[in-house]
Amino acid sequence: MRFAGRALVIIPVFLLAILLISIGAKLATWGFGIVIFAVGLGLLLPREPLMATLHTAGVARHKLGEPTGPAGVGAVLRTESGEVLGEIGRSIGVTTNTVADYTALIEGLELALDKGVSEVNVYVDSALVTGHLLEGYTVRADHLRPLVERVRQLLDQFSVWSLTRLPRKLNLESDLLAFRGIEQA
């Protein structure tokens, strides 16, 4: 019932505009003014924030002793009621786990913004990502700095956000999407 207050204003104004238009030619100009007013009012009324939950995971299958391997990203964006707003599951070539984690987070946040989400609760399974973004870990690897900065820029676009680290076993859906992305490459 989030839109009830907005509907209580827009519907009567719209019906009044239709009535005025139907009265006749003398009032038609005024009636069109009311329609324009009603549309403008609908655009100005505050909208209810769209809140969502985002789970992201990045995976790189690398051999022991090698830092890189075939990598994939996964993300699942859900409304508060659990409805899936969007999913990502794709390969990103050969890279490290950390780059895959950041890429998944960036793509997931971009998806949330594209869907009109204004408040987001983000869940990741990377201790390093949460350490960089929440706990003040120093970003030592030069290639990670632009990724960290991009995530911060995206988070700044939300009116409210949170970032929480989950164990991988509780982040399975996005993790499976990332693995599926590797397999489909």
C-alpha atoms as a PDB file:
ATOM      1  CA  MET A   1       0.000   0.000   0.000  1.00  0.00           C
ATOM      2  CA  ARG A   2       2.948   2.329  -0.511  1.00  0.00           C
ATOM      3  CA  PHE A   3       1.342   4.092  -3.442  1.00  0.00           C
ATOM      4  CA  ALA A   4      -2.059   4.588  -1.777  1.00  0.00           C
ATOM      5  CA  GLY A   5      -1.364   8.192  -0.703  1.00  0.00           C
ATOM      6  CA  ARG A   6      -0.126   9.090  -4.136  1.00  0.00           C
ATOM      7  CA  ALA A   7      -3.108   7.429  -5.818  1.00  0.00           C
ATOM      8  CA  LEU A   8      -5.534   9.322  -3.555  1.00  0.00           C
ATOM      9  CA  VAL A   9      -4.218  12.575  -5.030  1.00  0.00           C
ATOM     10  CA  ILE A  10      -3.637  11.590  -8.650  1.00  0.00           C
ATOM     11  CA  ILE A  11      -6.848   9.655  -9.367  1.00  0.00           C
ATOM     12  CA  PRO A  12      -9.348  12.366  -8.274  1.00  0.00           C
ATOM     13  CA  VAL A  13      -7.382  15.091 -10.084  1.00  0.00           C
ATOM     14  CA  PHE A  14      -7.239  12.971 -13.216  1.00  0.00           C
ATOM     15  CA  LEU A  15     -10.985  12.225 -13.054  1.00  0.00           C
ATOM     16  CA  LEU A  16     -11.719  15.927 -12.555  1.00  0.00           C
ATOM     17  CA  ALA A  17      -9.626  16.737 -15.620  1.00  0.00           C
ATOM     18  CA  ILE A  18     -11.540  14.227 -17.718  1.00  0.00           C
ATOM     19  CA  LEU A  19     -14.849  15.680 -16.505  1.00  0.00           C
ATOM     20  CA  LEU A  20     -13.763  19.210 -17.352  1.00  0.00           C
ATOM     21  CA  ILE A  21     -12.618  18.184 -20.816  1.00  0.00           C
ATOM     22  CA  SER A  22     -15.948  16.513 -21.492  1.00  0.00           C
ATOM     23  CA  ILE A  23     -17.974  19.621 -20.465  1.00  0.00           C
ATOM     24  CA  GLY A  24     -17.261  21.464 -23.641  1.00  0.00           C
ATOM     25  CA  ALA A  25     -15.033  23.536 -25.839  1.00  0.00           C
ATOM     26  CA  LYS A  26     -15.052  26.614 -23.576  1.00  0.00           C
ATOM     27  CA  LEU A  27     -13.546  24.679 -20.691  1.00  0.00           C
ATOM     28  CA  ALA A  28     -11.320  22.438 -22.816  1.00  0.00           C
ATOM     29  CA  THR A  29      -8.302  24.722 -22.509  1.00  0.00           C
ATOM     30  CA  TRP A  30      -8.714  24.860 -18.758  1.00  0.00           C
ATOM     31  CA  GLY A  31      -9.247  21.103 -18.651  1.00  0.00           C
ATOM     32  CA  PHE A  32      -5.967  20.511 -20.448  1.00  0.00           C
ATOM     33  CA  GLY A  33      -4.328  22.765 -17.880  1.00  0.00           C
ATOM     34  CA  ILE A  34      -5.678  20.540 -15.113  1.00  0.00           C
ATOM     35  CA  VAL A  35      -4.319  17.440 -16.887  1.00  0.00           C
ATOM     36  CA  ILE A  36      -0.909  19.044 -17.172  1.00  0.00           C
ATOM     37  CA  PHE A  37      -1.134  20.058 -13.507  1.00  0.00           C
ATOM     38  CA  ALA A  38      -2.060  16.500 -12.497  1.00  0.00           C
ATOM     39  CA  VAL A  39       0.841  15.009 -14.439  1.00  0.00           C
ATOM     40  CA  GLY A  40       3.230  17.543 -12.928  1.00  0.00           C
ATOM     41  CA  LEU A  41       1.896  16.841  -9.447  1.00  0.00           C
ATOM     42  CA  GLY A  42       2.446  13.118  -9.997  1.00  0.00           C
ATOM     43  CA  LEU A  43       6.058  13.780 -10.906  1.00  0.00           C
ATOM     44  CA  LEU A  44       6.632  16.009  -7.885  1.00  0.00           C
ATOM     45  CA  LEU A  45       5.080  13.799  -5.222  1.00  0.00           C
ATOM     46  CA  PRO A  46       7.677  11.945  -3.190  1.00  0.00           C
ATOM     47  CA  ARG A  47       8.121   8.376  -4.266  1.00  0.00           C
ATOM     48  CA  GLU A  48       8.449   5.491  -1.900  1.00  0.00           C
ATOM     49  CA  PRO A  49      12.031   4.233  -1.809  1.00  0.00           C
ATOM     50  CA  LEU A  50      12.611   0.910  -3.504  1.00  0.00           C
ATOM     51  CA  MET A  51      14.539  -1.249  -1.065  1.00  0.00           C
ATOM     52  CA  ALA A  52      16.385  -4.377  -2.163  1.00  0.00           C
ATOM     53  CA  THR A  53      18.879  -7.011  -1.124  1.00  0.00           C
ATOM     54  CA  LEU A  54      21.912  -7.738  -3.288  1.00  0.00           C
ATOM     55  CA  HIS A  55      24.055 -10.866  -2.979  1.00  0.00           C
ATOM     56  CA  THR A  56      27.271 -10.915  -5.016  1.00  0.00           C
ATOM     57  CA  ALA A  57      30.132 -13.353  -5.503  1.00  0.00           C
ATOM     58  CA  GLY A  58      33.198 -13.562  -7.659  1.00  0.00           C
ATOM     59  CA  VAL A  59      35.047 -16.798  -8.311  1.00  0.00           C
ATOM     60  CA  ALA A  60      38.353 -17.613  -9.991  1.00  0.00           C
ATOM     61  CA  ARG A  61      39.369 -21.226 -10.570  1.00  0.00           C
ATOM     62  CA  HIS A  62      43.111 -21.070 -10.320  1.00  0.00           C
ATOM     63  CA  LYS A  63      45.717 -23.751  -9.899  1.00  0.00           C
ATOM     64  CA  LEU A  64      47.637 -24.040  -6.680  1.00  0.00           C
ATOM     65  CA  GLY A  65      50.379 -21.438  -6.637  1.00  0.00           C
ATOM     66  CA  GLU A  66      48.901 -19.361  -9.445  1.00  0.00           C
ATOM     67  CA  PRO A  67      46.930 -16.206  -8.522  1.00  0.00           C
ATOM     68  CA  THR A  68      44.729 -16.125 -11.623  1.00  0.00           C
ATOM     69  CA  GLY A  69      42.390 -18.448 -13.426  1.00  0.00           C
ATOM     70  CA  PRO A  70      39.107 -18.536 -15.337  1.00  0.00           C
ATOM     71  CA  ALA A  71      36.747 -16.257 -13.419  1.00  0.00           C
ATOM     72  CA  GLY A  72      33.046 -15.558 -13.164  1.00  0.00           C
ATOM     73  CA  VAL A  73      30.725 -13.160 -11.383  1.00  0.00           C
ATOM     74  CA  GLY A  74      27.320 -13.728  -9.869  1.00  0.00           C
ATOM     75  CA  ALA A  75      24.730 -11.400  -8.376  1.00  0.00           C
ATOM     76  CA  VAL A  76      21.103 -11.693  -7.276  1.00  0.00           C
ATOM     77  CA  LEU A  77      18.969  -8.610  -6.627  1.00  0.00           C
ATOM     78  CA  ARG A  78      15.721  -9.110  -4.696  1.00  0.00           C
ATOM     79  CA  THR A  79      12.962  -6.875  -3.385  1.00  0.00           C
ATOM     80  CA  GLU A  80      12.048  -6.920   0.289  1.00  0.00           C
ATOM     81  CA  SER A  81       9.337  -9.468  -0.499  1.00  0.00           C
ATOM     82  CA  GLY A  82      11.858 -11.775  -2.188  1.00  0.00           C
ATOM     83  CA  GLU A  83      10.919 -11.083  -5.816  1.00  0.00           C
ATOM     84  CA  VAL A  84      13.951 -11.346  -8.098  1.00  0.00           C
ATOM     85  CA  LEU A  85      14.609  -7.989  -9.779  1.00  0.00           C
ATOM     86  CA  GLY A  86      17.633  -9.238 -11.678  1.00  0.00           C
ATOM     87  CA  GLU A  87      20.474 -11.743 -11.844  1.00  0.00           C
ATOM     88  CA  ILE A  88      23.976 -11.749 -13.226  1.00  0.00           C
ATOM     89  CA  GLY A  89      26.015 -14.835 -14.004  1.00  0.00           C
ATOM     90  CA  ARG A  90      28.820 -14.532 -16.510  1.00  0.00           C
ATOM     91  CA  SER A  91      32.477 -15.155 -17.231  1.00  0.00           C
ATOM     92  CA  ILE A  92      34.950 -12.285 -16.951  1.00  0.00           C
ATOM     93  CA  GLY A  93      37.974 -14.027 -18.446  1.00  0.00           C
ATOM     94  CA  VAL A  94      41.127 -14.832 -16.473  1.00  0.00           C
ATOM     95  CA  THR A  95      41.723 -12.893 -13.264  1.00  0.00           C
ATOM     96  CA  THR A  96      42.045 -13.200  -9.466  1.00  0.00           C
ATOM     97  CA  ASN A  97      39.347 -13.976  -6.904  1.00  0.00           C
ATOM     98  CA  THR A  98      39.531 -10.429  -5.539  1.00  0.00           C
ATOM     99  CA  VAL A  99      39.069  -8.788  -8.940  1.00  0.00           C
ATOM    100  CA  ALA A 100      36.153 -11.158  -9.575  1.00  0.00           C
ATOM    101  CA  ASP A 101      34.611 -10.230  -6.199  1.00  0.00           C
ATOM    102  CA  TYR A 102      34.900  -6.504  -6.937  1.00  0.00           C
ATOM    103  CA  THR A 103      33.588  -6.931 -10.485  1.00  0.00           C
ATOM    104  CA  ALA A 104      30.559  -8.842  -9.184  1.00  0.00           C
ATOM    105  CA  LEU A 105      29.901  -6.130  -6.615  1.00  0.00           C
ATOM    106  CA  ILE A 106      30.216  -3.335  -9.187  1.00  0.00           C
ATOM    107  CA  GLU A 107      27.916  -5.060 -11.676  1.00  0.00           C
ATOM    108  CA  GLY A 108      25.407  -5.871  -8.937  1.00  0.00           C
ATOM    109  CA  LEU A 109      25.312  -2.262  -7.711  1.00  0.00           C
ATOM    110  CA  GLU A 110      24.910  -1.012 -11.297  1.00  0.00           C
ATOM    111  CA  LEU A 111      22.020  -3.465 -11.742  1.00  0.00           C
ATOM    112  CA  ALA A 112      20.368  -2.152  -8.568  1.00  0.00           C
ATOM    113  CA  LEU A 113      20.687   1.446  -9.756  1.00  0.00           C
ATOM    114  CA  ASP A 114      19.322   0.513 -13.202  1.00  0.00           C
ATOM    115  CA  LYS A 115      16.281  -1.065 -11.513  1.00  0.00           C
ATOM    116  CA  GLY A 116      15.602   2.118  -9.521  1.00  0.00           C
ATOM    117  CA  VAL A 117      16.695   0.800  -6.138  1.00  0.00           C
ATOM    118  CA  SER A 118      17.405   3.608  -3.668  1.00  0.00           C
ATOM    119  CA  GLU A 119      18.104   1.553  -0.533  1.00  0.00           C
ATOM    120  CA  VAL A 120      20.217  -1.584  -0.737  1.00  0.00           C
ATOM    121  CA  ASN A 121      21.553  -4.195   1.670  1.00  0.00           C
ATOM    122  CA  VAL A 122      24.573  -5.850   0.077  1.00  0.00           C
ATOM    123  CA  TYR A 123      25.943  -9.252   1.060  1.00  0.00           C
ATOM    124  CA  VAL A 124      29.356 -10.480  -0.102  1.00  0.00           C
ATOM    125  CA  ASP A 125      31.493 -13.446   0.911  1.00  0.00           C
ATOM    126  CA  SER A 126      34.869 -11.714   0.563  1.00  0.00           C
ATOM    127  CA  ALA A 127      36.655 -10.722   3.755  1.00  0.00           C
ATOM    128  CA  LEU A 128      39.061  -8.561   1.757  1.00  0.00           C
ATOM    129  CA  VAL A 129      36.271  -6.569   0.062  1.00  0.00           C
ATOM    130  CA  THR A 130      34.541  -5.843   3.371  1.00  0.00           C
ATOM    131  CA  GLY A 131      37.926  -5.087   4.928  1.00  0.00           C
ATOM    132  CA  HIS A 132      38.743  -2.512   2.255  1.00  0.00           C
ATOM    133  CA  LEU A 133      35.312  -0.895   2.278  1.00  0.00           C
ATOM    134  CA  LEU A 134      34.338  -1.061   5.939  1.00  0.00           C
ATOM    135  CA  GLU A 135      37.314  -1.769   8.146  1.00  0.00           C
ATOM    136  CA  GLY A 136      39.921   0.539   6.658  1.00  0.00           C
ATOM    137  CA  TYR A 137      42.235  -2.128   5.256  1.00  0.00           C
ATOM    138  CA  THR A 138      44.915  -0.554   3.102  1.00  0.00           C
ATOM    139  CA  VAL A 139      44.487  -1.300  -0.589  1.00  0.00           C
ATOM    140  CA  ARG A 140      48.005  -2.471  -1.392  1.00  0.00           C
ATOM    141  CA  ALA A 141      47.496  -3.752  -4.929  1.00  0.00           C
ATOM    142  CA  ASP A 142      47.475  -0.892  -7.425  1.00  0.00           C
ATOM    143  CA  HIS A 143      45.100  -2.701  -9.792  1.00  0.00           C
ATOM    144  CA  LEU A 144      42.440  -2.871  -7.043  1.00  0.00           C
ATOM    145  CA  ARG A 145      42.353   0.871  -6.250  1.00  0.00           C
ATOM    146  CA  PRO A 146      40.125   1.831  -9.224  1.00  0.00           C
ATOM    147  CA  LEU A 147      37.744  -1.020  -8.354  1.00  0.00           C
ATOM    148  CA  VAL A 148      37.483   0.080  -4.718  1.00  0.00           C
ATOM    149  CA  GLU A 149      36.893   3.672  -5.822  1.00  0.00           C
ATOM    150  CA  ARG A 150      34.194   2.602  -8.303  1.00  0.00           C
ATOM    151  CA  VAL A 151      32.356   0.660  -5.594  1.00  0.00           C
ATOM    152  CA  ARG A 152      32.462   3.707  -3.306  1.00  0.00           C
ATOM    153  CA  GLN A 153      31.103   5.927  -6.089  1.00  0.00           C
ATOM    154  CA  LEU A 154      28.243   3.511  -6.711  1.00  0.00           C
ATOM    155  CA  LEU A 155      27.396   3.178  -3.020  1.00  0.00           C
ATOM    156  CA  ASP A 156      27.235   6.976  -2.754  1.00  0.00           C
ATOM    157  CA  GLN A 157      24.350   6.939  -5.247  1.00  0.00           C
ATOM    158  CA  PHE A 158      22.077   5.072  -2.813  1.00  0.00           C
ATOM    159  CA  SER A 159      20.192   6.993  -0.137  1.00  0.00           C
ATOM    160  CA  VAL A 160      20.771   4.116   2.304  1.00  0.00           C
ATOM    161  CA  TRP A 161      23.110   1.149   1.998  1.00  0.00           C
ATOM    162  CA  SER A 162      24.741  -1.541   4.091  1.00  0.00           C
ATOM    163  CA  LEU A 163      27.476  -4.044   3.339  1.00  0.00           C
ATOM    164  CA  THR A 164      27.747  -7.321   5.210  1.00  0.00           C
ATOM    165  CA  ARG A 165      30.095 -10.270   4.868  1.00  0.00           C
ATOM    166  CA  LEU A 166      28.489 -13.688   4.769  1.00  0.00           C
ATOM    167  CA  PRO A 167      30.134 -17.095   4.818  1.00  0.00           C
ATOM    168  CA  ARG A 168      30.221 -18.545   1.301  1.00  0.00           C
ATOM    169  CA  LYS A 169      27.779 -21.311   2.277  1.00  0.00           C
ATOM    170  CA  LEU A 170      25.147 -18.608   3.001  1.00  0.00           C
ATOM    171  CA  ASN A 171      25.827 -16.844  -0.307  1.00  0.00           C
ATOM    172  CA  LEU A 172      25.259 -19.882  -2.498  1.00  0.00           C
ATOM    173  CA  GLU A 173      22.897 -18.487  -5.126  1.00  0.00           C
ATOM    174  CA  SER A 174      25.273 -15.780  -6.358  1.00  0.00           C
ATOM    175  CA  ASP A 175      28.216 -18.156  -5.983  1.00  0.00           C
ATOM    176  CA  LEU A 176      26.494 -20.732  -8.223  1.00  0.00           C
ATOM    177  CA  LEU A 177      25.746 -18.038 -10.809  1.00  0.00           C
ATOM    178  CA  ALA A 178      29.445 -17.132 -10.873  1.00  0.00           C
ATOM    179  CA  PHE A 179      30.456 -20.787 -11.365  1.00  0.00           C
ATOM    180  CA  ARG A 180      27.820 -21.161 -14.081  1.00  0.00           C
ATOM    181  CA  GLY A 181      29.315 -18.138 -15.817  1.00  0.00           C
ATOM    182  CA  ILE A 182      32.744 -19.811 -15.871  1.00  0.00           C
ATOM    183  CA  GLU A 183      31.302 -23.054 -17.221  1.00  0.00           C
ATOM    184  CA  GLN A 184      29.397 -21.292 -20.012  1.00  0.00           C
ATOM    185  CA  ALA A 185      32.496 -19.431 -21.218  1.00  0.00           C
END
